[in-house]
């Protein structure tokens, strides 16, 4: 159970579920769905924002409709020498969507979305030219089974 679960209740979780499904849901609609006043919803969302639980409202964009259809995860083995500087250079590389420092044989996992294999190769080549990298391994995504934006039931684990 997370530390944040002590400061939010079941109503807050329901609000978060609604906002995960559609971040543009009007407060009035949320209030009606939950049987609460619009003012209560406003105050609860303000509290969730103040606590850093709700970090903003974003659009869920279908990147494939923008021509970004090639998804890959890149595992990177990093030398201990200039480790932090190498991590910064990886994180600031173009074409990288997400970057995580991980445990195991590889120290970094990066998610990349590209328009085609040629662009992906350019991104991998750019990463490979960073000093301090020992190995770069690319895993191509064959099919997306679930994205974080569809994971609204995870709120129940809080």
Protein backbone atom coordinates (compact mmCIF):
# COMPACT_ATOMS: atom_id res chain seq x y z
CA UNK A 1 0.00 0.00 0.00
CA UNK A 2 1.40 3.38 -0.94
CA UNK A 3 2.12 6.31 1.34
CA UNK A 4 -0.39 8.48 -0.60
CA UNK A 5 -3.25 6.10 0.25
CA UNK A 6 -3.31 7.60 3.74
CA UNK A 7 -4.28 11.02 2.37
CA UNK A 8 -6.86 10.03 -0.21
CA UNK A 9 -10.11 8.17 0.25
CA UNK A 10 -12.43 6.13 -1.97
CA UNK A 11 -14.10 9.26 -3.37
CA UNK A 12 -10.70 10.64 -4.42
CA UNK A 13 -9.95 7.31 -6.11
CA UNK A 14 -13.25 7.45 -8.01
CA UNK A 15 -12.45 10.99 -9.16
CA UNK A 16 -9.02 9.82 -10.36
CA UNK A 17 -10.60 6.92 -12.27
CA UNK A 18 -13.00 9.28 -14.03
CA UNK A 19 -10.19 11.68 -14.92
CA UNK A 20 -8.01 8.82 -16.20
CA UNK A 21 -10.78 7.82 -18.59
CA UNK A 22 -11.34 11.41 -19.74
CA UNK A 23 -9.36 14.28 -18.22
CA UNK A 24 -11.81 16.76 -19.76
CA UNK A 25 -14.80 15.50 -17.78
CA UNK A 26 -16.52 18.59 -16.35
CA UNK A 27 -16.67 18.93 -12.56
CA UNK A 28 -20.46 19.09 -12.85
CA UNK A 29 -20.56 15.67 -14.56
CA UNK A 30 -18.20 14.14 -11.97
CA UNK A 31 -20.35 15.60 -9.19
CA UNK A 32 -23.52 14.14 -10.73
CA UNK A 33 -21.91 10.72 -11.24
CA UNK A 34 -20.70 10.60 -7.63
CA UNK A 35 -23.71 12.29 -6.00
CA UNK A 36 -21.62 15.17 -4.66
CA UNK A 37 -21.60 18.93 -5.13
CA UNK A 38 -19.53 20.56 -7.84
CA UNK A 39 -17.73 22.56 -5.12
CA UNK A 40 -16.72 19.33 -3.38
CA UNK A 41 -15.29 17.94 -6.62
CA UNK A 42 -13.40 21.20 -7.23
CA UNK A 43 -11.87 21.12 -3.73
CA UNK A 44 -10.92 17.46 -3.98
CA UNK A 45 -9.24 17.93 -7.37
CA UNK A 46 -7.43 20.96 -5.98
CA UNK A 47 -6.24 18.82 -3.03
CA UNK A 48 -5.08 16.02 -5.35
CA UNK A 49 -3.12 18.60 -7.35
CA UNK A 50 -1.60 20.18 -4.24
CA UNK A 51 -0.47 16.75 -3.01
CA UNK A 52 1.21 16.10 -6.35
CA UNK A 53 -1.01 13.09 -7.06
CA UNK A 54 -2.74 14.83 -9.95
CA UNK A 55 0.02 16.42 -12.02
CA UNK A 56 -2.11 18.00 -14.71
CA UNK A 57 -4.45 17.18 -17.53
CA UNK A 58 -3.06 15.81 -20.76
CA UNK A 59 -4.33 14.63 -24.10
CA UNK A 60 -4.19 10.94 -24.97
CA UNK A 61 -2.83 11.15 -28.50
CA UNK A 62 -2.85 8.23 -30.93
CA UNK A 63 0.73 8.60 -32.14
CA UNK A 64 0.19 6.07 -34.93
CA UNK A 65 -2.24 8.52 -36.57
CA UNK A 66 0.65 11.00 -36.65
CA UNK A 67 2.82 8.51 -38.48
CA UNK A 68 4.73 7.30 -35.43
CA UNK A 69 4.21 3.56 -35.78
CA UNK A 70 7.53 1.97 -34.80
CA UNK A 71 7.87 1.40 -31.06
CA UNK A 72 10.99 -0.04 -29.47
CA UNK A 73 12.56 -0.42 -26.07
CA UNK A 74 16.29 0.10 -25.94
CA UNK A 75 18.38 -1.44 -23.19
CA UNK A 76 21.65 0.33 -22.51
CA UNK A 77 24.66 -0.93 -20.57
CA UNK A 78 26.49 2.06 -19.08
CA UNK A 79 30.11 2.28 -17.93
CA UNK A 80 30.61 3.33 -14.29
CA UNK A 81 32.96 6.06 -15.53
CA UNK A 82 31.00 9.35 -15.91
CA UNK A 83 27.83 7.37 -15.15
CA UNK A 84 25.58 10.32 -14.26
CA UNK A 85 26.73 12.39 -17.24
CA UNK A 86 26.05 9.45 -19.55
CA UNK A 87 22.55 9.06 -18.08
CA UNK A 88 21.84 12.75 -18.71
CA UNK A 89 22.99 12.48 -22.33
CA UNK A 90 20.77 9.44 -22.87
CA UNK A 91 17.76 11.19 -21.32
CA UNK A 92 18.30 14.27 -23.49
CA UNK A 93 18.68 12.36 -26.77
CA UNK A 94 16.18 13.10 -29.52
CA UNK A 95 13.48 10.55 -30.23
CA UNK A 96 13.40 9.17 -26.70
CA UNK A 97 9.91 9.10 -25.19
CA UNK A 98 10.68 7.64 -21.75
CA UNK A 99 13.90 6.74 -19.92
CA UNK A 100 14.27 4.62 -16.79
CA UNK A 101 17.28 3.66 -14.70
CA UNK A 102 16.80 -0.04 -13.95
CA UNK A 103 18.48 -2.88 -12.09
CA UNK A 104 20.08 -5.86 -13.75
CA UNK A 105 22.55 -6.37 -16.56
CA UNK A 106 21.48 -3.15 -18.30
CA UNK A 107 21.25 0.10 -16.36
CA UNK A 108 18.91 2.06 -18.64
CA UNK A 109 15.65 1.24 -20.42
CA UNK A 110 14.42 3.76 -22.99
CA UNK A 111 11.16 3.79 -24.92
CA UNK A 112 11.35 5.13 -28.46
CA UNK A 113 8.62 5.89 -30.98
CA UNK A 114 9.64 6.52 -34.58
CA UNK A 115 7.99 6.97 -37.96
CA UNK A 116 9.88 4.08 -39.56
CA UNK A 117 12.85 1.74 -39.14
CA UNK A 118 15.19 4.28 -40.74
CA UNK A 119 14.34 6.86 -38.09
CA UNK A 120 14.68 4.23 -35.35
CA UNK A 121 18.12 3.32 -36.72
CA UNK A 122 19.10 7.01 -36.58
CA UNK A 123 18.00 7.21 -32.93
CA UNK A 124 19.89 4.00 -32.06
CA UNK A 125 23.00 5.28 -33.87
CA UNK A 126 22.78 8.58 -31.97
CA UNK A 127 22.50 6.72 -28.68
CA UNK A 128 25.36 4.41 -29.65
CA UNK A 129 27.65 7.39 -30.19
CA UNK A 130 27.33 8.52 -26.56
CA UNK A 131 30.58 8.09 -24.63
CA UNK A 132 30.19 5.74 -21.70
CA UNK A 133 27.91 3.22 -23.36
CA UNK A 134 29.13 -0.35 -23.37
CA UNK A 135 26.21 -2.01 -25.15
CA UNK A 136 22.93 -1.08 -26.83
CA UNK A 137 20.20 -3.69 -27.33
CA UNK A 138 16.95 -2.95 -29.22
CA UNK A 139 13.66 -4.74 -28.57
CA UNK A 140 11.02 -4.06 -31.24
CA UNK A 141 7.40 -3.91 -30.11
CA UNK A 142 5.38 -6.31 -32.24
CA UNK A 143 2.00 -5.46 -30.74
CA UNK A 144 0.76 -3.18 -27.97
CA UNK A 145 -1.52 -5.05 -25.60
CA UNK A 146 -2.14 -2.30 -23.07
CA UNK A 147 -1.08 1.26 -22.46
CA UNK A 148 -0.92 3.14 -19.15
CA UNK A 149 -3.85 5.29 -20.20
CA UNK A 150 -6.09 2.22 -20.23
CA UNK A 151 -4.96 1.08 -16.78
CA UNK A 152 -7.65 2.84 -14.73
CA UNK A 153 -8.22 -0.23 -12.56
CA UNK A 154 -4.76 0.29 -11.03
CA UNK A 155 -6.35 2.98 -8.85
CA UNK A 156 -7.95 0.14 -6.86
CA UNK A 157 -4.49 -0.92 -5.63
CA UNK A 158 -3.82 2.39 -3.90
